[in-house]
Amino acid sequence: MAGVIQSQGATSSQRALALQINTAINNVKIWLEQVRQDAEQLLHMQNAQLSGLAILGDLEAQARYAYAGRTDPASGEMQQGATWIYDNVERLATFDVTPYLTR
């Protein structure tokens, strides 16, 4: 994303989209790190300890956020997830074609 943001040939809308995608990637990283931490805690528990644990609910919620995003409870703004990244990253691959003029 940094390459798009710094590219002289990128349009302002491409730069803005690259910033949004970068933010979404950071969100997904945070949520997936929490999934990993929850899973590690679960690995060290006995079967009898697993029923009704809040950690299972948190693992599911964090995985769902990473996939689909969530609304930030503090700001009310949408924090995008992997599906949004997938749907929008190809928009960065567009470019304008102009005729080549010889001198």
Foldseek 3Di string as FASTA:
>chain_A
DVCLLPDPQHDPVLNVLVVLLVQLVVLLVVLVVLLVVLVVVVVPDDPVPPPPDVSVVSNVVSVVCQAAFDQDPVPRHTRGHDVVSVVPVVVSVDHDDDDDDDD
